[in-house]
């Protein structure tokens, strides 16, 4: 079954409904790399306050994005040889391959605009998927060392600084609350209270030699600050350090080393679970398009259908 998303839309006489995904969380100390400026495809690497302040990777397009862990990114680079060999082939007919599938993400190929492309798709967040063509994959391959140098630096240097300053921020809030005549009773009131605290007052109480993230914490981790303070003042938790359950990754850990000096990973294959819906609206770009080969069809159990695909490389 060959053809682009547009061709297959005509075949099935269906068009894709663009359902915008929930915007990605803002990352603290974000570093950006460009995959394709014309198509506005970028990689953002930073500390995610919504995920226990772990280092996260976002691949962002004009209308879509996908969030991947640093471990999943390492596994992508470990498979890059097989991926590029397949993607760089001249497409004669549609041949779909699943390269990697985990509980949260799926990495597979599809044909778009007459060429093979790589798809990274979230299995837990509807609408979160991106397509990378051959030039973008080559660009990603060239950026491998830059990306992992950034991940190591954020994991080993910036991560503990951010957690330390989170604790400084919450301690300052506790001091201001102890002087307040009327304590916040709801999360909304606590959020307003935190917003009204002046950044420069907190910065003045921070170590002078550290990189300062107080303003970014106030902007991007406001929900976490509110929840932490509400739990403390409601007696739901003792005022302990926020990083007690977090682990700092050593710079020598193979998790953050490029694939050229690590071994490949094994993976499992699971059944596909399509989530696309269709009606009369058109899509915005290739990342919005439906995967018509992801449609579940009825089979008699003996005859293969286009919903059945070969095993991965």
C-alpha atoms as a PDB file:
ATOM      1  CA  UNK A   1       0.000   0.000   0.000  1.00  0.00           C
ATOM      2  CA  UNK A   2       1.886   3.035  -1.285  1.00  0.00           C
ATOM      3  CA  UNK A   3       1.330   6.756  -1.395  1.00  0.00           C
ATOM      4  CA  UNK A   4       1.445   9.848   0.724  1.00  0.00           C
ATOM      5  CA  UNK A   5      -1.037  10.902   3.372  1.00  0.00           C
ATOM      6  CA  UNK A   6      -2.835  13.067   0.807  1.00  0.00           C
ATOM      7  CA  UNK A   7      -3.042  10.205  -1.719  1.00  0.00           C
ATOM      8  CA  UNK A   8      -4.430   7.819   0.853  1.00  0.00           C
ATOM      9  CA  UNK A   9      -6.945  10.428   2.030  1.00  0.00           C
ATOM     10  CA  UNK A  10      -8.338  10.451  -1.505  1.00  0.00           C
ATOM     11  CA  UNK A  11      -8.398   6.661  -1.589  1.00  0.00           C
ATOM     12  CA  UNK A  12     -10.387   6.381   1.608  1.00  0.00           C
ATOM     13  CA  UNK A  13     -12.434   9.534   0.877  1.00  0.00           C
ATOM     14  CA  UNK A  14     -11.723  10.790   4.363  1.00  0.00           C
ATOM     15  CA  UNK A  15      -9.915  13.852   5.645  1.00  0.00           C
ATOM     16  CA  UNK A  16      -8.144  14.312   8.918  1.00  0.00           C
ATOM     17  CA  UNK A  17      -9.506  16.385  11.767  1.00  0.00           C
ATOM     18  CA  UNK A  18      -6.775  18.490  13.322  1.00  0.00           C
ATOM     19  CA  UNK A  19      -7.037  18.122  17.080  1.00  0.00           C
ATOM     20  CA  UNK A  20      -4.284  20.240  18.669  1.00  0.00           C
ATOM     21  CA  UNK A  21      -2.461  18.411  21.448  1.00  0.00           C
ATOM     22  CA  UNK A  22      -2.046  19.859  24.915  1.00  0.00           C
ATOM     23  CA  UNK A  23       0.901  22.291  24.749  1.00  0.00           C
ATOM     24  CA  UNK A  24       4.183  20.860  26.048  1.00  0.00           C
ATOM     25  CA  UNK A  25       5.375  21.810  29.500  1.00  0.00           C
ATOM     26  CA  UNK A  26       7.873  24.657  29.661  1.00  0.00           C
ATOM     27  CA  UNK A  27      11.426  23.510  30.320  1.00  0.00           C
ATOM     28  CA  UNK A  28      13.807  25.237  32.716  1.00  0.00           C
ATOM     29  CA  UNK A  29      17.284  26.035  31.333  1.00  0.00           C
ATOM     30  CA  UNK A  30      16.130  25.050  27.836  1.00  0.00           C
ATOM     31  CA  UNK A  31      18.665  24.532  25.041  1.00  0.00           C
ATOM     32  CA  UNK A  32      17.427  24.428  21.446  1.00  0.00           C
ATOM     33  CA  UNK A  33      18.821  22.795  18.304  1.00  0.00           C
ATOM     34  CA  UNK A  34      17.402  23.279  14.809  1.00  0.00           C
ATOM     35  CA  UNK A  35      16.526  20.269  12.672  1.00  0.00           C
ATOM     36  CA  UNK A  36      14.775  22.129   9.862  1.00  0.00           C
ATOM     37  CA  UNK A  37      14.329  25.896  10.039  1.00  0.00           C
ATOM     38  CA  UNK A  38      12.068  26.099   6.973  1.00  0.00           C
ATOM     39  CA  UNK A  39       9.617  23.595   8.456  1.00  0.00           C
ATOM     40  CA  UNK A  40      10.194  24.906  11.988  1.00  0.00           C
ATOM     41  CA  UNK A  41      11.367  21.659  13.541  1.00  0.00           C
ATOM     42  CA  UNK A  42      13.443  22.021  16.695  1.00  0.00           C
ATOM     43  CA  UNK A  43      14.780  19.959  19.599  1.00  0.00           C
ATOM     44  CA  UNK A  44      14.360  21.460  23.073  1.00  0.00           C
ATOM     45  CA  UNK A  45      16.359  19.979  25.960  1.00  0.00           C
ATOM     46  CA  UNK A  46      15.718  21.148  29.493  1.00  0.00           C
ATOM     47  CA  UNK A  47      14.587  20.377  33.027  1.00  0.00           C
ATOM     48  CA  UNK A  48      10.897  19.493  33.220  1.00  0.00           C
ATOM     49  CA  UNK A  49       9.234  20.673  36.468  1.00  0.00           C
ATOM     50  CA  UNK A  50       6.160  18.536  35.711  1.00  0.00           C
ATOM     51  CA  UNK A  51       8.281  15.353  35.691  1.00  0.00           C
ATOM     52  CA  UNK A  52      10.091  15.595  39.051  1.00  0.00           C
ATOM     53  CA  UNK A  53      12.590  18.026  37.488  1.00  0.00           C
ATOM     54  CA  UNK A  54      14.132  15.363  35.271  1.00  0.00           C
ATOM     55  CA  UNK A  55      15.877  16.280  32.020  1.00  0.00           C
ATOM     56  CA  UNK A  56      13.429  15.932  29.107  1.00  0.00           C
ATOM     57  CA  UNK A  57      13.642  16.239  25.323  1.00  0.00           C
ATOM     58  CA  UNK A  58      10.915  17.841  23.204  1.00  0.00           C
ATOM     59  CA  UNK A  59      10.878  17.628  19.408  1.00  0.00           C
ATOM     60  CA  UNK A  60       8.599  20.458  18.268  1.00  0.00           C
ATOM     61  CA  UNK A  61       6.972  21.269  14.904  1.00  0.00           C
ATOM     62  CA  UNK A  62       4.583  24.129  14.032  1.00  0.00           C
ATOM     63  CA  UNK A  63       1.531  22.187  15.204  1.00  0.00           C
ATOM     64  CA  UNK A  64       2.766  19.037  16.926  1.00  0.00           C
ATOM     65  CA  UNK A  65       5.365  17.878  19.401  1.00  0.00           C
ATOM     66  CA  UNK A  66       6.525  14.728  21.121  1.00  0.00           C
ATOM     67  CA  UNK A  67       8.196  14.408  24.510  1.00  0.00           C
ATOM     68  CA  UNK A  68      10.809  11.695  24.845  1.00  0.00           C
ATOM     69  CA  UNK A  69      13.052  10.664  27.694  1.00  0.00           C
ATOM     70  CA  UNK A  70      16.816  10.847  27.424  1.00  0.00           C
ATOM     71  CA  UNK A  71      16.911   7.043  27.646  1.00  0.00           C
ATOM     72  CA  UNK A  72      14.568   6.687  24.657  1.00  0.00           C
ATOM     73  CA  UNK A  73      16.683   9.175  22.704  1.00  0.00           C
ATOM     74  CA  UNK A  74      19.769   7.066  23.437  1.00  0.00           C
ATOM     75  CA  UNK A  75      17.975   4.021  22.054  1.00  0.00           C
ATOM     76  CA  UNK A  76      17.046   5.959  18.899  1.00  0.00           C
ATOM     77  CA  UNK A  77      20.713   6.753  18.291  1.00  0.00           C
ATOM     78  CA  UNK A  78      21.669   3.127  18.938  1.00  0.00           C
ATOM     79  CA  UNK A  79      19.319   2.161  16.071  1.00  0.00           C
ATOM     80  CA  UNK A  80      20.326   5.053  13.813  1.00  0.00           C
ATOM     81  CA  UNK A  81      22.290   2.836  11.428  1.00  0.00           C
ATOM     82  CA  UNK A  82      19.291   0.620  10.695  1.00  0.00           C
ATOM     83  CA  UNK A  83      16.936   3.608  10.576  1.00  0.00           C
ATOM     84  CA  UNK A  84      19.049   5.539   8.066  1.00  0.00           C
ATOM     85  CA  UNK A  85      19.570   2.438   5.906  1.00  0.00           C
ATOM     86  CA  UNK A  86      15.811   2.042   5.621  1.00  0.00           C
ATOM     87  CA  UNK A  87      14.917   5.726   5.276  1.00  0.00           C
ATOM     88  CA  UNK A  88      17.557   6.362   2.592  1.00  0.00           C
ATOM     89  CA  UNK A  89      16.227   3.548   0.397  1.00  0.00           C
ATOM     90  CA  UNK A  90      14.432   4.639  -2.742  1.00  0.00           C
ATOM     91  CA  UNK A  91      10.786   3.880  -1.951  1.00  0.00           C
ATOM     92  CA  UNK A  92       9.291   1.567  -4.560  1.00  0.00           C
ATOM     93  CA  UNK A  93       6.253   0.466  -2.601  1.00  0.00           C
ATOM     94  CA  UNK A  94       5.011   1.035   0.888  1.00  0.00           C
ATOM     95  CA  UNK A  95       6.942  -0.949   3.462  1.00  0.00           C
ATOM     96  CA  UNK A  96       6.320  -0.160   7.086  1.00  0.00           C
ATOM     97  CA  UNK A  97       8.795  -1.093   9.809  1.00  0.00           C
ATOM     98  CA  UNK A  98       8.474  -0.675  13.570  1.00  0.00           C
ATOM     99  CA  UNK A  99      11.975   0.037  14.855  1.00  0.00           C
ATOM    100  CA  UNK A 100      11.191   0.430  18.540  1.00  0.00           C
ATOM    101  CA  UNK A 101       8.145   0.323  20.784  1.00  0.00           C
ATOM    102  CA  UNK A 102       7.878   0.942  24.514  1.00  0.00           C
ATOM    103  CA  UNK A 103       5.019   1.434  26.919  1.00  0.00           C
ATOM    104  CA  UNK A 104       4.856   5.161  26.092  1.00  0.00           C
ATOM    105  CA  UNK A 105       6.362   5.660  22.640  1.00  0.00           C
ATOM    106  CA  UNK A 106       6.560   4.069  19.217  1.00  0.00           C
ATOM    107  CA  UNK A 107       9.206   4.559  16.526  1.00  0.00           C
ATOM    108  CA  UNK A 108       8.263   3.447  13.013  1.00  0.00           C
ATOM    109  CA  UNK A 109       8.519   4.349   9.337  1.00  0.00           C
ATOM    110  CA  UNK A 110       5.906   5.593   6.909  1.00  0.00           C
ATOM    111  CA  UNK A 111       5.829   7.095   3.431  1.00  0.00           C
ATOM    112  CA  UNK A 112       5.109  10.796   2.998  1.00  0.00           C
ATOM    113  CA  UNK A 113       5.447  12.862  -0.204  1.00  0.00           C
ATOM    114  CA  UNK A 114       7.065   9.981  -2.025  1.00  0.00           C
ATOM    115  CA  UNK A 115       9.853   9.334   0.471  1.00  0.00           C
ATOM    116  CA  UNK A 116      10.362   7.272   3.574  1.00  0.00           C
ATOM    117  CA  UNK A 117      10.023   9.154   6.858  1.00  0.00           C
ATOM    118  CA  UNK A 118      10.535   8.307  10.516  1.00  0.00           C
ATOM    119  CA  UNK A 119       7.592   8.747  12.891  1.00  0.00           C
ATOM    120  CA  UNK A 120       7.946   9.211  16.643  1.00  0.00           C
ATOM    121  CA  UNK A 121       4.540   8.845  18.254  1.00  0.00           C
ATOM    122  CA  UNK A 122       3.315   9.005  21.839  1.00  0.00           C
ATOM    123  CA  UNK A 123       1.038   6.168  22.903  1.00  0.00           C
ATOM    124  CA  UNK A 124      -0.270   7.985  25.994  1.00  0.00           C
ATOM    125  CA  UNK A 125      -0.905  11.541  24.698  1.00  0.00           C
ATOM    126  CA  UNK A 126      -3.306  11.897  21.783  1.00  0.00           C
ATOM    127  CA  UNK A 127      -2.027  13.980  18.883  1.00  0.00           C
ATOM    128  CA  UNK A 128       1.618  13.916  19.954  1.00  0.00           C
ATOM    129  CA  UNK A 129       3.641  12.682  17.013  1.00  0.00           C
ATOM    130  CA  UNK A 130       6.228  14.071  14.599  1.00  0.00           C
ATOM    131  CA  UNK A 131       7.654  13.075  11.210  1.00  0.00           C
ATOM    132  CA  UNK A 132      11.340  13.360  10.317  1.00  0.00           C
ATOM    133  CA  UNK A 133      12.452  13.083   6.700  1.00  0.00           C
ATOM    134  CA  UNK A 134      15.863  11.881   5.550  1.00  0.00           C
ATOM    135  CA  UNK A 135      17.558  15.299   5.725  1.00  0.00           C
ATOM    136  CA  UNK A 136      16.219  15.934   9.220  1.00  0.00           C
ATOM    137  CA  UNK A 137      17.413  12.515  10.358  1.00  0.00           C
ATOM    138  CA  UNK A 138      20.883  13.183   8.991  1.00  0.00           C
ATOM    139  CA  UNK A 139      20.877  16.510  10.811  1.00  0.00           C
ATOM    140  CA  UNK A 140      19.822  14.733  14.018  1.00  0.00           C
ATOM    141  CA  UNK A 141      22.635  12.228  13.524  1.00  0.00           C
ATOM    142  CA  UNK A 142      25.196  15.058  13.167  1.00  0.00           C
ATOM    143  CA  UNK A 143      23.903  16.670  16.374  1.00  0.00           C
ATOM    144  CA  UNK A 144      24.296  13.491  18.452  1.00  0.00           C
ATOM    145  CA  UNK A 145      27.371  14.564  20.441  1.00  0.00           C
ATOM    146  CA  UNK A 146      26.069  18.114  20.955  1.00  0.00           C
ATOM    147  CA  UNK A 147      22.770  16.777  22.263  1.00  0.00           C
ATOM    148  CA  UNK A 148      24.303  14.359  24.745  1.00  0.00           C
ATOM    149  CA  UNK A 149      26.863  16.880  25.959  1.00  0.00           C
ATOM    150  CA  UNK A 150      23.900  19.126  26.739  1.00  0.00           C
ATOM    151  CA  UNK A 151      22.048  16.318  28.520  1.00  0.00           C
ATOM    152  CA  UNK A 152      25.064  15.447  30.685  1.00  0.00           C
ATOM    153  CA  UNK A 153      25.620  19.083  31.634  1.00  0.00           C
ATOM    154  CA  UNK A 154      21.988  19.625  32.612  1.00  0.00           C
ATOM    155  CA  UNK A 155      21.797  16.328  34.523  1.00  0.00           C
ATOM    156  CA  UNK A 156      24.995  16.685  36.509  1.00  0.00           C
ATOM    157  CA  UNK A 157      25.392  20.450  36.951  1.00  0.00           C
ATOM    158  CA  UNK A 158      22.130  22.322  36.375  1.00  0.00           C
ATOM    159  CA  UNK A 159      19.761  19.740  37.852  1.00  0.00           C
ATOM    160  CA  UNK A 160      21.104  19.945  41.452  1.00  0.00           C
ATOM    161  CA  UNK A 161      21.277  23.750  41.224  1.00  0.00           C
ATOM    162  CA  UNK A 162      17.621  23.938  40.180  1.00  0.00           C
ATOM    163  CA  UNK A 163      16.577  21.653  43.051  1.00  0.00           C
ATOM    164  CA  UNK A 164      18.641  23.682  45.527  1.00  0.00           C
ATOM    165  CA  UNK A 165      17.023  26.899  44.378  1.00  0.00           C
ATOM    166  CA  UNK A 166      13.576  25.299  44.507  1.00  0.00           C
ATOM    167  CA  UNK A 167      14.225  24.655  48.202  1.00  0.00           C
ATOM    168  CA  UNK A 168      15.499  28.221  48.656  1.00  0.00           C
ATOM    169  CA  UNK A 169      12.299  29.476  46.995  1.00  0.00           C
ATOM    170  CA  UNK A 170      10.008  27.375  49.203  1.00  0.00           C
ATOM    171  CA  UNK A 171      11.917  28.358  52.361  1.00  0.00           C
ATOM    172  CA  UNK A 172      11.512  32.021  51.444  1.00  0.00           C
ATOM    173  CA  UNK A 173       7.781  31.481  50.841  1.00  0.00           C
ATOM    174  CA  UNK A 174       7.467  29.792  54.243  1.00  0.00           C
ATOM    175  CA  UNK A 175       9.142  32.769  55.864  1.00  0.00           C
ATOM    176  CA  UNK A 176       6.736  35.171  54.161  1.00  0.00           C
ATOM    177  CA  UNK A 177       3.754  33.012  55.104  1.00  0.00           C
ATOM    178  CA  UNK A 178       4.799  33.025  58.739  1.00  0.00           C
ATOM    179  CA  UNK A 179       4.566  36.836  58.684  1.00  0.00           C
ATOM    180  CA  UNK A 180       1.257  36.998  56.818  1.00  0.00           C
ATOM    181  CA  UNK A 181      -1.828  38.086  58.733  1.00  0.00           C
ATOM    182  CA  UNK A 182      -4.121  35.870  56.660  1.00  0.00           C
ATOM    183  CA  UNK A 183      -2.849  32.566  55.286  1.00  0.00           C
ATOM    184  CA  UNK A 184      -3.882  31.352  51.815  1.00  0.00           C
ATOM    185  CA  UNK A 185      -6.706  28.814  52.120  1.00  0.00           C
ATOM    186  CA  UNK A 186      -6.859  27.487  48.561  1.00  0.00           C
ATOM    187  CA  UNK A 187      -4.406  26.658  45.821  1.00  0.00           C
ATOM    188  CA  UNK A 188      -5.540  29.711  43.872  1.00  0.00           C
ATOM    189  CA  UNK A 189      -4.805  31.973  46.839  1.00  0.00           C
ATOM    190  CA  UNK A 190      -1.407  30.340  47.342  1.00  0.00           C
ATOM    191  CA  UNK A 191      -0.590  30.818  43.651  1.00  0.00           C
ATOM    192  CA  UNK A 192      -1.500  34.501  43.885  1.00  0.00           C
ATOM    193  CA  UNK A 193       0.613  34.847  47.035  1.00  0.00           C
ATOM    194  CA  UNK A 194       3.656  33.343  45.278  1.00  0.00           C
ATOM    195  CA  UNK A 195       3.170  35.522  42.182  1.00  0.00           C
ATOM    196  CA  UNK A 196       3.237  38.629  44.364  1.00  0.00           C
ATOM    197  CA  UNK A 197       6.655  37.772  45.827  1.00  0.00           C
ATOM    198  CA  UNK A 198       9.386  39.863  44.247  1.00  0.00           C
ATOM    199  CA  UNK A 199      12.009  37.860  42.375  1.00  0.00           C
ATOM    200  CA  UNK A 200      14.884  40.122  43.443  1.00  0.00           C
ATOM    201  CA  UNK A 201      14.162  39.491  47.128  1.00  0.00           C
ATOM    202  CA  UNK A 202      14.553  35.726  46.638  1.00  0.00           C
ATOM    203  CA  UNK A 203      17.590  36.160  44.398  1.00  0.00           C
ATOM    204  CA  UNK A 204      19.263  38.224  47.118  1.00  0.00           C
ATOM    205  CA  UNK A 205      19.005  35.239  49.477  1.00  0.00           C
ATOM    206  CA  UNK A 206      20.514  32.807  46.938  1.00  0.00           C
ATOM    207  CA  UNK A 207      24.223  31.920  46.677  1.00  0.00           C
ATOM    208  CA  UNK A 208      25.959  34.522  44.524  1.00  0.00           C
ATOM    209  CA  UNK A 209      28.118  32.069  42.574  1.00  0.00           C
ATOM    210  CA  UNK A 210      25.234  29.876  41.331  1.00  0.00           C
ATOM    211  CA  UNK A 211      23.447  30.273  38.026  1.00  0.00           C
ATOM    212  CA  UNK A 212      20.115  31.781  38.967  1.00  0.00           C
ATOM    213  CA  UNK A 213      16.846  30.036  38.093  1.00  0.00           C
ATOM    214  CA  UNK A 214      14.518  31.787  40.537  1.00  0.00           C
ATOM    215  CA  UNK A 215      12.582  33.663  37.841  1.00  0.00           C
ATOM    216  CA  UNK A 216      12.260  30.527  35.688  1.00  0.00           C
ATOM    217  CA  UNK A 217      11.027  28.540  38.695  1.00  0.00           C
ATOM    218  CA  UNK A 218       8.442  31.200  39.422  1.00  0.00           C
ATOM    219  CA  UNK A 219       7.327  31.197  35.782  1.00  0.00           C
ATOM    220  CA  UNK A 220       7.468  27.502  34.862  1.00  0.00           C
ATOM    221  CA  UNK A 221       7.239  25.657  38.226  1.00  0.00           C
ATOM    222  CA  UNK A 222       4.487  27.757  39.796  1.00  0.00           C
ATOM    223  CA  UNK A 223       2.166  24.751  40.100  1.00  0.00           C
ATOM    224  CA  UNK A 224       4.863  22.690  41.843  1.00  0.00           C
ATOM    225  CA  UNK A 225       5.696  25.559  44.224  1.00  0.00           C
ATOM    226  CA  UNK A 226       2.012  25.972  45.061  1.00  0.00           C
ATOM    227  CA  UNK A 227       1.452  22.261  45.685  1.00  0.00           C
ATOM    228  CA  UNK A 228       4.597  21.949  47.806  1.00  0.00           C
ATOM    229  CA  UNK A 229       3.704  24.919  50.009  1.00  0.00           C
ATOM    230  CA  UNK A 230       0.069  23.883  50.360  1.00  0.00           C
ATOM    231  CA  UNK A 231       1.107  20.420  51.527  1.00  0.00           C
ATOM    232  CA  UNK A 232       3.520  21.846  54.077  1.00  0.00           C
ATOM    233  CA  UNK A 233       1.079  24.356  55.558  1.00  0.00           C
ATOM    234  CA  UNK A 234      -1.776  21.845  55.557  1.00  0.00           C
ATOM    235  CA  UNK A 235       0.366  19.366  57.502  1.00  0.00           C
ATOM    236  CA  UNK A 236       0.309  16.763  54.712  1.00  0.00           C
ATOM    237  CA  UNK A 237       4.077  16.485  54.560  1.00  0.00           C
ATOM    238  CA  UNK A 238       7.058  17.558  56.622  1.00  0.00           C
ATOM    239  CA  UNK A 239       9.232  20.360  55.221  1.00  0.00           C
ATOM    240  CA  UNK A 240      11.976  18.168  53.800  1.00  0.00           C
ATOM    241  CA  UNK A 241      14.189  18.686  50.810  1.00  0.00           C
ATOM    242  CA  UNK A 242      12.313  18.361  47.551  1.00  0.00           C
ATOM    243  CA  UNK A 243      14.980  16.190  45.915  1.00  0.00           C
ATOM    244  CA  UNK A 244      14.833  13.303  48.362  1.00  0.00           C
ATOM    245  CA  UNK A 245      13.448  10.878  45.723  1.00  0.00           C
ATOM    246  CA  UNK A 246      15.576  12.029  42.824  1.00  0.00           C
ATOM    247  CA  UNK A 247      18.758  10.480  41.494  1.00  0.00           C
ATOM    248  CA  UNK A 248      21.578  12.376  39.832  1.00  0.00           C
ATOM    249  CA  UNK A 249      22.959  10.553  36.798  1.00  0.00           C
ATOM    250  CA  UNK A 250      26.720  10.172  36.769  1.00  0.00           C
ATOM    251  CA  UNK A 251      28.538  11.645  33.740  1.00  0.00           C
ATOM    252  CA  UNK A 252      30.021   8.190  33.153  1.00  0.00           C
ATOM    253  CA  UNK A 253      26.625   6.534  32.920  1.00  0.00           C
ATOM    254  CA  UNK A 254      26.060   4.881  29.504  1.00  0.00           C
ATOM    255  CA  UNK A 255      22.561   6.367  29.539  1.00  0.00           C
ATOM    256  CA  UNK A 256      23.956   9.623  28.181  1.00  0.00           C
ATOM    257  CA  UNK A 257      26.757   8.362  25.959  1.00  0.00           C
ATOM    258  CA  UNK A 258      26.296   8.481  22.170  1.00  0.00           C
ATOM    259  CA  UNK A 259      25.539   5.250  20.382  1.00  0.00           C
ATOM    260  CA  UNK A 260      29.016   4.953  18.941  1.00  0.00           C
ATOM    261  CA  UNK A 261      30.310   3.729  22.315  1.00  0.00           C
ATOM    262  CA  UNK A 262      27.249   1.900  23.652  1.00  0.00           C
ATOM    263  CA  UNK A 263      25.572  -1.360  22.827  1.00  0.00           C
ATOM    264  CA  UNK A 264      22.200  -1.632  21.113  1.00  0.00           C
ATOM    265  CA  UNK A 265      19.029  -2.220  23.079  1.00  0.00           C
ATOM    266  CA  UNK A 266      16.363  -4.881  22.777  1.00  0.00           C
ATOM    267  CA  UNK A 267      12.711  -3.996  22.594  1.00  0.00           C
ATOM    268  CA  UNK A 268       9.252  -5.508  22.479  1.00  0.00           C
ATOM    269  CA  UNK A 269       6.567  -5.228  19.840  1.00  0.00           C
ATOM    270  CA  UNK A 270       2.935  -4.649  20.871  1.00  0.00           C
ATOM    271  CA  UNK A 271      -0.329  -4.303  19.052  1.00  0.00           C
ATOM    272  CA  UNK A 272      -1.099  -0.979  17.448  1.00  0.00           C
ATOM    273  CA  UNK A 273      -3.747   1.300  18.929  1.00  0.00           C
ATOM    274  CA  UNK A 274      -4.921   3.971  16.467  1.00  0.00           C
ATOM    275  CA  UNK A 275      -6.477   7.104  17.837  1.00  0.00           C
ATOM    276  CA  UNK A 276      -7.090   9.241  14.780  1.00  0.00           C
ATOM    277  CA  UNK A 277     -10.524  10.706  14.036  1.00  0.00           C
ATOM    278  CA  UNK A 278     -11.788  11.971  10.718  1.00  0.00           C
ATOM    279  CA  UNK A 279     -14.401  14.305   9.330  1.00  0.00           C
ATOM    280  CA  UNK A 280     -14.396  17.208   6.887  1.00  0.00           C
ATOM    281  CA  UNK A 281     -11.446  19.283   8.111  1.00  0.00           C
ATOM    282  CA  UNK A 282      -8.005  19.442   6.499  1.00  0.00           C
ATOM    283  CA  UNK A 283      -4.711  18.915   8.301  1.00  0.00           C
ATOM    284  CA  UNK A 284      -2.067  21.604   8.860  1.00  0.00           C
ATOM    285  CA  UNK A 285       1.192  19.849   7.987  1.00  0.00           C
ATOM    286  CA  UNK A 286       2.669  16.376   7.601  1.00  0.00           C
ATOM    287  CA  UNK A 287       2.801  15.916  11.362  1.00  0.00           C
ATOM    288  CA  UNK A 288      -0.977  16.296  11.537  1.00  0.00           C
ATOM    289  CA  UNK A 289      -1.727  13.752   8.851  1.00  0.00           C
ATOM    290  CA  UNK A 290      -3.441  10.430   9.572  1.00  0.00           C
ATOM    291  CA  UNK A 291      -1.603   7.164   9.372  1.00  0.00           C
ATOM    292  CA  UNK A 292      -4.015   5.252   7.169  1.00  0.00           C
ATOM    293  CA  UNK A 293      -1.957   2.115   7.641  1.00  0.00           C
ATOM    294  CA  UNK A 294      -2.758   2.244  11.339  1.00  0.00           C
ATOM    295  CA  UNK A 295      -6.427   1.470  10.795  1.00  0.00           C
ATOM    296  CA  UNK A 296      -7.641  -1.793  12.307  1.00  0.00           C
ATOM    297  CA  UNK A 297      -9.505  -3.923   9.760  1.00  0.00           C
ATOM    298  CA  UNK A 298     -11.465  -7.132  10.032  1.00  0.00           C
ATOM    299  CA  UNK A 299      -9.642 -10.212   8.871  1.00  0.00           C
ATOM    300  CA  UNK A 300     -10.776 -13.809   8.567  1.00  0.00           C
ATOM    301  CA  UNK A 301      -7.680 -14.921  10.458  1.00  0.00           C
ATOM    302  CA  UNK A 302      -6.098 -16.574   7.423  1.00  0.00           C
ATOM    303  CA  UNK A 303      -5.740 -13.768   4.920  1.00  0.00           C
ATOM    304  CA  UNK A 304      -3.364 -10.913   5.679  1.00  0.00           C
ATOM    305  CA  UNK A 305      -4.586  -7.313   5.406  1.00  0.00           C
ATOM    306  CA  UNK A 306      -2.803  -3.993   5.067  1.00  0.00           C
ATOM    307  CA  UNK A 307      -3.012  -3.617   8.857  1.00  0.00           C
ATOM    308  CA  UNK A 308      -0.403  -6.354   9.292  1.00  0.00           C
ATOM    309  CA  UNK A 309       3.234  -5.312   9.051  1.00  0.00           C
ATOM    310  CA  UNK A 310       6.633  -7.039   8.929  1.00  0.00           C
ATOM    311  CA  UNK A 311       8.699  -7.443  12.042  1.00  0.00           C
ATOM    312  CA  UNK A 312      11.258  -4.674  12.712  1.00  0.00           C
ATOM    313  CA  UNK A 313      14.861  -4.803  11.587  1.00  0.00           C
END
